[in-house]
Amino acid sequence: MSIYDSFSKRLARSKKHDQDIYTYDTLPERLRTQIVFIIGDAVNNLIQQPDTYKEMVTILCREYGQFCLVPNPPMMYGNRLYKDEMNNFVLTENDTFKVLDAIELVLRYSLGNIAAYDLPKDHYRRQKVDSIIAELNERFKEHGVGYQFEENTIIRIDSQFTHAVAIKPVLSLLQKKGYEAVNKEFMSAFEHFKHGRNASAMNECLKAYESTMKVICINKGWSYSKSATASSLIEVCVSNGLVPDYWLSHLQGLKSVLASSILTPRNKESSHGAGPEPKEIPCHLVSYMVNVTASTILFMIAASEHVG
């Protein structure tokens, strides 16, 4: 099922100015409700499903060393309502990680179920599981929750090295006076990325990178054309000794990396006409671009503090 981009979500995004990109210890109420829908879709997609909720609830209860997932589990005519118990658990459990346990278990169940039968006529079911996983990951991004379901496992986004050493530090650095435009553009890049607007995310990365160099030039009194592009701004920074001369070979390599990893993909993928078919920019490329941009901004600002 496609995700509807409602007015209220767009309005909330426009007002959001969080210091960090992701949260990890809480799950918003709306996300929990959406997870209940996702779990329902996953179970309904199973080839055989009569006792699925009972099996999953039993696995979790055994793991946690408790007889029920929630106090006073739902009952009807003396029978335990395992579906309602699972849903209530997702909606009310205070331990975020236990809720993540539940959704991970459900998706593993779904993938294992399809693999176990592997019937040609059920190729549709595998596609359905893939779409369910894609929705979950989009919901995580939509709510700014730092988890993804990848390779049969829920992982933290910040388990990627660059989030810890580039994304979070640059967000803190860009709060300083004079970097307001850079901060706005970089946050816009991440916001576009979170909501799948990949071409826009790449364009905002380039704008943030260009704005960083302009701020440095202004702070250092280095002249540059008001219409300067990233390529010419790099030349200005190089000619003014942004790093020591004995780093020249390294700087040339850095310049090449910056030009190829920030400028070239942006120019090739997002700034030219799409032609008869829209171009699809893969998420892994955009993720790389955001991380490279953050690292580059950090480097440029740090280097500028050591230049007269």
Protein backbone atom coordinates (compact mmCIF):
# COMPACT_ATOMS: atom_id res chain seq x y z
CA MET A 1 0.00 0.00 0.00
CA SER A 2 1.40 3.40 -0.96
CA ILE A 3 1.97 5.96 1.81
CA TYR A 4 -0.27 9.02 1.58
CA ASP A 5 1.51 12.33 2.11
CA SER A 6 -1.19 14.23 3.99
CA PHE A 7 -1.34 17.98 4.65
CA SER A 8 -0.84 17.44 8.39
CA LYS A 9 2.39 15.51 7.76
CA ARG A 10 3.70 18.21 5.43
CA LEU A 11 2.86 20.89 7.99
CA ALA A 12 4.56 18.93 10.79
CA ARG A 13 7.69 18.54 8.66
CA SER A 14 7.82 22.27 7.99
CA LYS A 15 7.78 22.98 11.74
CA LYS A 16 10.28 20.33 12.76
CA HIS A 17 13.73 21.60 13.75
CA ASP A 18 15.17 18.76 15.82
CA GLN A 19 18.86 18.85 16.74
CA ASP A 20 19.42 15.21 15.79
CA ILE A 21 18.01 13.39 12.80
CA TYR A 22 16.85 10.23 14.54
CA THR A 23 15.37 9.10 17.84
CA TYR A 24 16.01 5.61 19.15
CA ASP A 25 14.35 5.11 22.51
CA THR A 26 10.74 6.03 21.82
CA LEU A 27 8.15 5.04 19.25
CA PRO A 28 5.46 7.65 18.49
CA GLU A 29 1.89 6.57 19.08
CA ARG A 30 1.04 6.99 15.40
CA LEU A 31 3.95 4.79 14.39
CA ARG A 32 2.84 2.09 16.83
CA THR A 33 -0.62 2.13 15.28
CA GLN A 34 0.90 1.89 11.80
CA ILE A 35 3.01 -1.06 12.98
CA VAL A 36 -0.19 -2.83 14.05
CA PHE A 37 -1.49 -2.43 10.49
CA ILE A 38 1.81 -3.68 9.10
CA ILE A 39 1.78 -6.74 11.35
CA GLY A 40 -1.79 -7.48 10.25
CA ASP A 41 -0.81 -7.26 6.58
CA ALA A 42 2.16 -9.56 7.17
CA VAL A 43 0.11 -12.22 8.95
CA ASN A 44 -2.70 -12.05 6.39
CA ASN A 45 -0.14 -12.65 3.67
CA LEU A 46 1.04 -15.96 5.16
CA ILE A 47 0.25 -19.15 3.28
CA GLN A 48 -0.86 -20.84 6.48
CA GLN A 49 -1.83 -18.63 9.40
CA PRO A 50 -4.35 -20.19 11.85
CA ASP A 51 -2.03 -20.20 14.89
CA THR A 52 0.50 -17.57 13.84
CA TYR A 53 -0.35 -15.00 16.50
CA LYS A 54 -0.35 -17.69 19.19
CA GLU A 55 3.05 -18.96 18.08
CA MET A 56 4.60 -15.48 18.00
CA VAL A 57 3.12 -14.44 21.35
CA THR A 58 4.40 -17.68 22.89
CA ILE A 59 7.91 -17.10 21.50
CA LEU A 60 8.04 -13.57 22.93
CA CYS A 61 6.59 -14.59 26.30
CA ARG A 62 9.11 -17.41 26.63
CA GLU A 63 11.94 -15.05 25.69
CA TYR A 64 10.90 -12.46 28.28
CA GLY A 65 10.18 -15.05 30.98
CA GLN A 66 6.55 -14.07 31.42
CA PHE A 67 3.24 -15.78 30.83
CA CYS A 68 1.52 -12.92 28.99
CA LEU A 69 2.70 -10.00 26.87
CA VAL A 70 0.27 -7.60 28.54
CA PRO A 71 -1.45 -7.53 31.94
CA ASN A 72 -4.88 -9.14 31.82
CA PRO A 73 -4.60 -10.51 28.26
CA PRO A 74 -7.76 -10.22 26.14
CA MET A 75 -10.10 -13.19 26.45
CA MET A 76 -13.33 -14.28 24.81
CA TYR A 77 -15.42 -17.13 26.17
CA GLY A 78 -12.41 -18.30 28.15
CA ASN A 79 -10.12 -18.34 25.10
CA ARG A 80 -7.07 -16.11 24.87
CA LEU A 81 -7.17 -13.63 21.98
CA TYR A 82 -3.57 -13.76 20.79
CA LYS A 83 -4.02 -11.25 17.97
CA ASP A 84 -5.43 -8.65 20.34
CA GLU A 85 -2.69 -9.43 22.85
CA MET A 86 0.02 -8.81 20.23
CA ASN A 87 -1.62 -5.58 19.09
CA ASN A 88 -2.06 -4.30 22.64
CA PHE A 89 1.58 -5.14 23.33
CA VAL A 90 2.75 -3.08 20.34
CA LEU A 91 0.53 -0.16 21.35
CA THR A 92 1.31 -0.07 25.08
CA GLU A 93 4.68 -1.69 25.82
CA ASN A 94 7.04 0.86 27.38
CA ASP A 95 10.20 -0.95 26.28
CA THR A 96 10.81 0.23 22.73
CA PHE A 97 13.21 -2.61 22.05
CA LYS A 98 10.60 -5.23 22.89
CA VAL A 99 8.23 -3.69 20.36
CA LEU A 100 11.04 -3.87 17.80
CA ASP A 101 11.46 -7.53 18.80
CA ALA A 102 7.84 -8.12 17.88
CA ILE A 103 7.96 -6.49 14.45
CA GLU A 104 11.26 -8.23 13.65
CA LEU A 105 9.74 -11.59 14.63
CA VAL A 106 6.68 -10.99 12.47
CA LEU A 107 8.74 -10.12 9.39
CA ARG A 108 11.07 -13.06 9.92
CA TYR A 109 7.99 -15.26 10.17
CA SER A 110 6.72 -13.84 6.90
CA LEU A 111 9.99 -14.31 5.04
CA GLY A 112 10.46 -17.81 6.45
CA ASN A 113 6.92 -18.78 5.56
CA ILE A 114 7.33 -17.77 1.94
CA ALA A 115 10.73 -19.46 1.67
CA ALA A 116 9.40 -22.68 3.22
CA TYR A 117 6.70 -23.12 0.58
CA ASP A 118 8.38 -21.40 -2.38
CA LEU A 119 5.42 -22.02 -4.64
CA PRO A 120 5.56 -20.40 -8.11
CA LYS A 121 1.99 -19.18 -7.76
CA ASP A 122 2.97 -17.43 -4.51
CA HIS A 123 5.53 -15.13 -6.11
CA TYR A 124 2.92 -12.49 -5.39
CA ARG A 125 3.27 -13.20 -1.67
CA ARG A 126 7.00 -12.52 -1.75
CA GLN A 127 6.35 -9.23 -3.50
CA LYS A 128 3.80 -8.42 -0.82
CA VAL A 129 6.33 -9.11 1.95
CA ASP A 130 8.83 -6.87 0.21
CA SER A 131 6.27 -4.08 0.04
CA ILE A 132 5.43 -4.55 3.74
CA ILE A 133 9.12 -4.25 4.65
CA ALA A 134 9.45 -1.19 2.42
CA GLU A 135 6.48 0.44 4.17
CA LEU A 136 7.93 -0.27 7.61
CA ASN A 137 11.26 1.32 6.65
CA GLU A 138 9.46 4.33 5.19
CA ARG A 139 7.41 4.69 8.37
CA PHE A 140 10.59 4.63 10.45
CA LYS A 141 12.07 7.38 8.28
CA GLU A 142 8.83 9.34 8.27
CA HIS A 143 8.80 9.50 12.07
CA GLY A 144 12.54 10.07 12.41
CA VAL A 145 13.05 6.74 14.20
CA GLY A 146 16.58 5.46 13.60
CA TYR A 147 15.89 1.84 12.64
CA GLN A 148 15.54 -0.17 9.44
CA PHE A 149 14.70 -3.78 8.65
CA GLU A 150 17.56 -5.04 6.50
CA GLU A 151 18.82 -8.55 5.77
CA ASN A 152 16.25 -10.21 8.04
CA THR A 153 17.20 -7.98 10.99
CA ILE A 154 16.26 -4.63 12.50
CA ILE A 155 19.37 -2.43 12.68
CA ARG A 156 20.08 1.00 14.12
CA ILE A 157 20.91 3.59 11.50
CA ASP A 158 23.67 5.01 13.66
CA SER A 159 25.42 1.65 13.67
CA GLN A 160 26.79 3.03 10.41
CA PHE A 161 30.07 4.71 11.33
CA THR A 162 29.41 7.91 9.45
CA HIS A 163 26.28 8.80 11.39
CA ALA A 164 28.26 9.01 14.62
CA VAL A 165 31.33 10.80 13.25
CA ALA A 166 29.81 13.03 10.58
CA ILE A 167 26.04 13.52 10.72
CA LYS A 168 25.62 14.27 14.42
CA PRO A 169 28.75 16.48 14.74
CA VAL A 170 27.84 18.56 11.70
CA LEU A 171 24.34 19.15 13.04
CA SER A 172 25.87 20.54 16.21
CA LEU A 173 28.44 22.63 14.34
CA LEU A 174 25.87 24.17 12.02
CA GLN A 175 23.99 25.65 14.97
CA LYS A 176 26.72 28.29 15.18
CA LYS A 177 26.04 31.84 14.01
CA GLY A 178 26.77 32.37 10.32
CA TYR A 179 25.89 28.84 9.22
CA GLU A 180 22.12 29.25 9.27
CA ALA A 181 21.76 28.80 5.50
CA VAL A 182 24.02 25.72 5.50
CA ASN A 183 22.05 24.21 8.36
CA LYS A 184 18.75 24.83 6.61
CA GLU A 185 19.96 23.28 3.36
CA PHE A 186 21.55 20.26 5.02
CA MET A 187 18.45 19.60 7.13
CA SER A 188 16.37 19.97 3.97
CA ALA A 189 18.55 17.35 2.27
CA PHE A 190 17.94 14.91 5.10
CA GLU A 191 14.23 15.70 5.16
CA HIS A 192 13.96 15.02 1.43
CA PHE A 193 15.90 11.78 1.88
CA LYS A 194 13.65 10.65 4.73
CA HIS A 195 10.62 11.03 2.49
CA GLY A 196 12.06 9.48 -0.65
CA ARG A 197 12.61 12.68 -2.62
CA ASN A 198 16.06 11.57 -3.69
CA ALA A 199 16.82 14.05 -6.45
CA SER A 200 15.86 16.95 -4.19
CA ALA A 201 18.03 15.53 -1.42
CA MET A 202 21.07 15.46 -3.70
CA ASN A 203 20.46 19.04 -4.85
CA GLU A 204 20.20 20.23 -1.25
CA CYS A 205 23.47 18.44 -0.43
CA LEU A 206 25.22 20.41 -3.15
CA LYS A 207 23.65 23.68 -1.99
CA ALA A 208 24.81 23.03 1.59
CA TYR A 209 28.31 22.29 0.33
CA GLU A 210 28.40 25.45 -1.79
CA SER A 211 27.05 27.56 1.08
CA THR A 212 29.75 26.22 3.42
CA MET A 213 32.49 27.36 1.07
CA LYS A 214 30.84 30.76 0.65
CA VAL A 215 30.68 31.24 4.42
CA ILE A 216 34.36 30.32 4.69
CA CYS A 217 35.26 32.74 1.90
CA ILE A 218 33.30 35.54 3.56
CA ASN A 219 34.85 34.85 6.97
CA LYS A 220 38.34 34.82 5.47
CA GLY A 221 37.82 37.76 3.12
CA TRP A 222 38.46 35.64 0.02
CA SER A 223 36.83 37.11 -3.08
CA TYR A 224 34.58 34.98 -5.24
CA SER A 225 31.98 35.54 -7.90
CA LYS A 226 28.43 35.84 -6.63
CA SER A 227 27.45 33.33 -9.32
CA ALA A 228 30.25 30.92 -8.33
CA THR A 229 29.47 27.22 -8.59
CA ALA A 230 30.94 24.51 -6.38
CA SER A 231 33.75 23.90 -8.88
CA SER A 232 34.92 27.52 -8.85
CA LEU A 233 34.48 27.78 -5.08
CA ILE A 234 36.78 24.78 -4.66
CA GLU A 235 39.36 26.63 -6.77
CA VAL A 236 39.08 29.70 -4.53
CA CYS A 237 39.58 27.60 -1.41
CA VAL A 238 42.53 25.76 -2.94
CA SER A 239 44.26 28.93 -4.11
CA ASN A 240 43.93 30.48 -0.66
CA GLY A 241 45.64 27.56 1.08
CA LEU A 242 42.75 26.02 2.92
CA VAL A 243 45.21 23.28 3.89
CA PRO A 244 49.05 23.44 4.11
CA ASP A 245 51.05 23.21 0.89
CA TYR A 246 52.56 19.90 1.88
CA TRP A 247 49.05 18.45 1.75
CA LEU A 248 48.72 19.48 -1.88
CA SER A 249 48.59 15.94 -3.24
CA HIS A 250 46.03 15.00 -0.63
CA LEU A 251 44.04 18.13 -1.38
CA GLN A 252 44.06 17.37 -5.09
CA GLY A 253 42.76 13.93 -4.28
CA LEU A 254 40.15 15.42 -1.99
CA LYS A 255 39.14 17.89 -4.66
CA SER A 256 38.74 15.01 -7.10
CA VAL A 257 36.62 13.07 -4.61
CA LEU A 258 34.47 16.11 -3.87
CA ALA A 259 33.94 16.85 -7.54
CA SER A 260 33.12 13.26 -8.42
CA SER A 261 31.09 12.26 -5.38
CA ILE A 262 29.15 15.47 -4.88
CA LEU A 263 29.11 17.27 -8.20
CA THR A 264 29.07 14.49 -10.79
CA PRO A 265 26.26 12.31 -9.38
CA ARG A 266 24.16 15.41 -8.79
CA ASN A 267 24.73 16.70 -12.32
CA LYS A 268 24.22 13.35 -13.97
CA GLU A 269 21.27 12.16 -11.96
CA SER A 270 19.16 15.07 -10.82
CA SER A 271 19.85 18.35 -12.57
CA HIS A 272 19.21 17.36 -16.18
CA GLY A 273 15.97 16.49 -17.90
CA ALA A 274 14.71 13.02 -17.11
CA GLY A 275 13.85 12.26 -20.72
CA PRO A 276 10.94 9.99 -21.66
CA GLU A 277 11.26 7.95 -18.43
CA PRO A 278 11.84 9.42 -14.95
CA LYS A 279 15.23 8.55 -13.49
CA GLU A 280 15.21 6.66 -10.22
CA ILE A 281 18.09 7.58 -7.93
CA PRO A 282 18.82 4.65 -5.57
CA CYS A 283 18.55 5.30 -1.84
CA HIS A 284 22.02 3.91 -1.13
CA LEU A 285 23.50 6.58 -3.41
CA VAL A 286 21.60 9.36 -1.66
CA SER A 287 22.61 8.01 1.76
CA TYR A 288 26.24 8.09 0.61
CA MET A 289 25.82 11.64 -0.69
CA VAL A 290 24.41 12.89 2.61
CA ASN A 291 27.26 11.29 4.56
CA VAL A 292 29.95 12.61 2.19
CA THR A 293 28.45 16.09 2.35
CA ALA A 294 28.45 16.04 6.16
CA SER A 295 32.07 14.83 6.28
CA THR A 296 33.14 17.46 3.75
CA ILE A 297 31.42 20.29 5.60
CA LEU A 298 33.15 19.23 8.82
CA PHE A 299 36.52 19.10 7.07
CA MET A 300 36.17 22.47 5.36
CA ILE A 301 35.11 24.29 8.53
CA ALA A 302 37.84 22.66 10.64
CA ALA A 303 40.47 23.47 8.01
CA SER A 304 39.32 27.08 7.80
CA GLU A 305 40.02 27.56 11.50
CA HIS A 306 43.72 26.93 10.83
CA VAL A 307 44.08 29.30 7.88
CA GLY A 308 45.06 32.95 8.40
